[in-house]
Amino acid sequence: VQLQASGGGLVQAGGSLRLSCAASGSISTINVMAWYRQAPGKQREQVAVITSGGSTNYADFVKGRFTISRDNAKSTVYLQMNSLKPDDTAVYSCRAWIGLSNYWGQGTLVTVSS
């Protein structure tokens, strides 16, 4: 199983970006999918989670600004990021729970300039 993340880049404060993470390989059922981020010098933190049924949960620091969604037919999870702040600058990674295992995608860098 491989997870391919994309959509990162440089954006000004107040701007928006949409991240995507597509799973491929031997996939039966993807249960939970999530986005994490790690800023320079900081620990990795969970940003948002979505279940196979569409239930979501967000970290307090992104509530009202970020939206996680998924397309089960495409085995893809998205993260719509609005009202971006310089503090959102980080490497964003996706994670998927498939069966009894979980998998990480490579990160995509998001840089928010002030």
C-alpha atoms as a PDB file:
ATOM      1  CA  VAL A   1       0.000   0.000   0.000  1.00  0.00           C
ATOM      2  CA  GLN A   2       1.264   3.437  -0.892  1.00  0.00           C
ATOM      3  CA  LEU A   3      -0.069   6.857   0.014  1.00  0.00           C
ATOM      4  CA  GLN A   4       0.762   9.738  -2.311  1.00  0.00           C
ATOM      5  CA  ALA A   5       0.217  13.227  -0.945  1.00  0.00           C
ATOM      6  CA  SER A   6       0.137  16.349  -3.079  1.00  0.00           C
ATOM      7  CA  GLY A   7      -1.060  19.925  -3.105  1.00  0.00           C
ATOM      8  CA  GLY A   8       1.418  21.675  -0.860  1.00  0.00           C
ATOM      9  CA  GLY A   9       3.085  24.930  -1.790  1.00  0.00           C
ATOM     10  CA  LEU A  10       3.670  28.541  -0.892  1.00  0.00           C
ATOM     11  CA  VAL A  11       0.687  30.724  -0.086  1.00  0.00           C
ATOM     12  CA  GLN A  12       0.156  34.093   1.545  1.00  0.00           C
ATOM     13  CA  ALA A  13      -1.549  34.422   4.901  1.00  0.00           C
ATOM     14  CA  GLY A  14      -5.302  34.324   4.452  1.00  0.00           C
ATOM     15  CA  GLY A  15      -5.028  32.137   1.388  1.00  0.00           C
ATOM     16  CA  SER A  16      -6.166  28.587   0.718  1.00  0.00           C
ATOM     17  CA  LEU A  17      -4.704  25.277  -0.341  1.00  0.00           C
ATOM     18  CA  ARG A  18      -6.184  21.845  -0.948  1.00  0.00           C
ATOM     19  CA  LEU A  19      -4.150  18.775  -0.111  1.00  0.00           C
ATOM     20  CA  SER A  20      -4.852  15.341  -1.548  1.00  0.00           C
ATOM     21  CA  CYS A  21      -3.657  11.907  -0.498  1.00  0.00           C
ATOM     22  CA  ALA A  22      -4.392   8.909  -2.690  1.00  0.00           C
ATOM     23  CA  ALA A  23      -3.958   5.323  -1.551  1.00  0.00           C
ATOM     24  CA  SER A  24      -2.938   2.621  -3.999  1.00  0.00           C
ATOM     25  CA  GLY A  25      -1.939  -1.010  -3.881  1.00  0.00           C
ATOM     26  CA  SER A  26      -3.642  -3.936  -2.222  1.00  0.00           C
ATOM     27  CA  ILE A  27      -6.510  -2.136  -0.560  1.00  0.00           C
ATOM     28  CA  SER A  28      -9.545  -3.811   0.856  1.00  0.00           C
ATOM     29  CA  THR A  29     -11.247  -1.297   3.083  1.00  0.00           C
ATOM     30  CA  ILE A  30      -9.751   1.941   4.304  1.00  0.00           C
ATOM     31  CA  ASN A  31     -11.123   2.611   7.736  1.00  0.00           C
ATOM     32  CA  VAL A  32      -9.809   5.864   9.140  1.00  0.00           C
ATOM     33  CA  MET A  33      -7.823   8.455   7.210  1.00  0.00           C
ATOM     34  CA  ALA A  34      -6.088  11.388   8.805  1.00  0.00           C
ATOM     35  CA  TRP A  35      -3.811  14.343   8.238  1.00  0.00           C
ATOM     36  CA  TYR A  36      -0.892  15.214  10.492  1.00  0.00           C
ATOM     37  CA  ARG A  37       1.617  18.014  10.381  1.00  0.00           C
ATOM     38  CA  GLN A  38       5.062  18.709  11.716  1.00  0.00           C
ATOM     39  CA  ALA A  39       6.451  22.216  11.903  1.00  0.00           C
ATOM     40  CA  PRO A  40      10.201  22.851  12.131  1.00  0.00           C
ATOM     41  CA  GLY A  41      11.463  22.082  15.612  1.00  0.00           C
ATOM     42  CA  LYS A  42       8.086  20.812  16.791  1.00  0.00           C
ATOM     43  CA  GLN A  43       6.493  17.433  17.337  1.00  0.00           C
ATOM     44  CA  ARG A  44       4.114  15.966  14.819  1.00  0.00           C
ATOM     45  CA  GLU A  45       0.479  16.678  15.621  1.00  0.00           C
ATOM     46  CA  GLN A  46      -2.801  15.381  14.316  1.00  0.00           C
ATOM     47  CA  VAL A  47      -4.784  17.885  12.271  1.00  0.00           C
ATOM     48  CA  ALA A  48      -7.966  16.087  11.236  1.00  0.00           C
ATOM     49  CA  VAL A  49      -9.459  12.609  11.061  1.00  0.00           C
ATOM     50  CA  ILE A  50     -12.271  11.102   9.011  1.00  0.00           C
ATOM     51  CA  THR A  51     -13.846   7.668   9.349  1.00  0.00           C
ATOM     52  CA  SER A  52     -15.122   5.452   6.567  1.00  0.00           C
ATOM     53  CA  GLY A  53     -18.612   6.638   7.417  1.00  0.00           C
ATOM     54  CA  GLY A  54     -17.668  10.296   7.122  1.00  0.00           C
ATOM     55  CA  SER A  55     -17.433  11.266  10.778  1.00  0.00           C
ATOM     56  CA  THR A  56     -14.785  13.915  11.327  1.00  0.00           C
ATOM     57  CA  ASN A  57     -12.724  15.341  14.129  1.00  0.00           C
ATOM     58  CA  TYR A  58     -10.429  18.364  14.090  1.00  0.00           C
ATOM     59  CA  ALA A  59      -7.674  19.763  16.202  1.00  0.00           C
ATOM     60  CA  ASP A  60      -8.761  22.957  17.933  1.00  0.00           C
ATOM     61  CA  PHE A  61      -6.202  25.021  16.075  1.00  0.00           C
ATOM     62  CA  VAL A  62      -7.833  24.295  12.683  1.00  0.00           C
ATOM     63  CA  LYS A  63     -11.521  24.157  13.566  1.00  0.00           C
ATOM     64  CA  GLY A  64     -13.549  26.423  11.336  1.00  0.00           C
ATOM     65  CA  ARG A  65     -10.697  26.811   8.854  1.00  0.00           C
ATOM     66  CA  PHE A  66      -9.850  23.315   7.606  1.00  0.00           C
ATOM     67  CA  THR A  67     -12.176  20.663   6.204  1.00  0.00           C
ATOM     68  CA  ILE A  68     -11.299  17.004   5.763  1.00  0.00           C
ATOM     69  CA  SER A  69     -13.191  14.903   3.247  1.00  0.00           C
ATOM     70  CA  ARG A  70     -12.738  11.645   1.391  1.00  0.00           C
ATOM     71  CA  ASP A  71     -13.715   9.942  -1.827  1.00  0.00           C
ATOM     72  CA  ASN A  72     -13.959   6.243  -1.036  1.00  0.00           C
ATOM     73  CA  ALA A  73     -14.248   5.293  -4.697  1.00  0.00           C
ATOM     74  CA  LYS A  74     -10.885   6.942  -5.336  1.00  0.00           C
ATOM     75  CA  SER A  75      -9.338   5.900  -1.993  1.00  0.00           C
ATOM     76  CA  THR A  76      -8.432   9.538  -1.512  1.00  0.00           C
ATOM     77  CA  VAL A  77      -8.581  11.926   1.408  1.00  0.00           C
ATOM     78  CA  TYR A  78      -8.544  15.695   1.046  1.00  0.00           C
ATOM     79  CA  LEU A  79      -7.745  18.595   3.327  1.00  0.00           C
ATOM     80  CA  GLN A  80      -9.185  21.953   2.333  1.00  0.00           C
ATOM     81  CA  MET A  81      -7.263  24.630   4.187  1.00  0.00           C
ATOM     82  CA  ASN A  82      -8.684  28.145   4.301  1.00  0.00           C
ATOM     83  CA  SER A  83      -7.644  31.291   6.149  1.00  0.00           C
ATOM     84  CA  LEU A  84      -4.117  29.986   6.380  1.00  0.00           C
ATOM     85  CA  LYS A  85      -1.778  31.490   8.946  1.00  0.00           C
ATOM     86  CA  PRO A  86       2.022  31.531   9.114  1.00  0.00           C
ATOM     87  CA  ASP A  87       1.717  29.118  12.078  1.00  0.00           C
ATOM     88  CA  ASP A  88       0.219  26.567   9.679  1.00  0.00           C
ATOM     89  CA  THR A  89       3.596  26.252   7.980  1.00  0.00           C
ATOM     90  CA  ALA A  90       4.598  22.583   8.250  1.00  0.00           C
ATOM     91  CA  VAL A  91       5.074  19.325   6.428  1.00  0.00           C
ATOM     92  CA  TYR A  92       1.650  17.719   6.129  1.00  0.00           C
ATOM     93  CA  SER A  93       1.408  13.933   5.990  1.00  0.00           C
ATOM     94  CA  CYS A  94      -1.494  11.561   5.543  1.00  0.00           C
ATOM     95  CA  ARG A  95      -2.141   8.322   7.368  1.00  0.00           C
ATOM     96  CA  ALA A  96      -4.562   5.511   6.615  1.00  0.00           C
ATOM     97  CA  TRP A  97      -5.739   2.551   8.647  1.00  0.00           C
ATOM     98  CA  ILE A  98      -6.352  -0.458   6.412  1.00  0.00           C
ATOM     99  CA  GLY A  99      -7.298  -3.696   8.086  1.00  0.00           C
ATOM    100  CA  LEU A 100      -5.020  -4.188  11.070  1.00  0.00           C
ATOM    101  CA  SER A 101      -2.254  -1.985   9.703  1.00  0.00           C
ATOM    102  CA  ASN A 102      -1.676   1.699   9.246  1.00  0.00           C
ATOM    103  CA  TYR A 103       0.329   3.447   6.579  1.00  0.00           C
ATOM    104  CA  TRP A 104       1.964   6.837   6.192  1.00  0.00           C
ATOM    105  CA  GLY A 105       2.345   8.873   3.052  1.00  0.00           C
ATOM    106  CA  GLN A 106       5.304  11.104   2.320  1.00  0.00           C
ATOM    107  CA  GLY A 107       4.852  14.670   3.440  1.00  0.00           C
ATOM    108  CA  THR A 108       3.961  17.692   1.403  1.00  0.00           C
ATOM    109  CA  LEU A 109       5.318  21.066   2.459  1.00  0.00           C
ATOM    110  CA  VAL A 110       2.952  23.931   3.141  1.00  0.00           C
ATOM    111  CA  THR A 111       4.538  27.350   3.602  1.00  0.00           C
ATOM    112  CA  VAL A 112       2.421  30.323   4.610  1.00  0.00           C
ATOM    113  CA  SER A 113       4.041  33.703   4.258  1.00  0.00           C
ATOM    114  CA  SER A 114       3.020  36.739   6.316  1.00  0.00           C
END
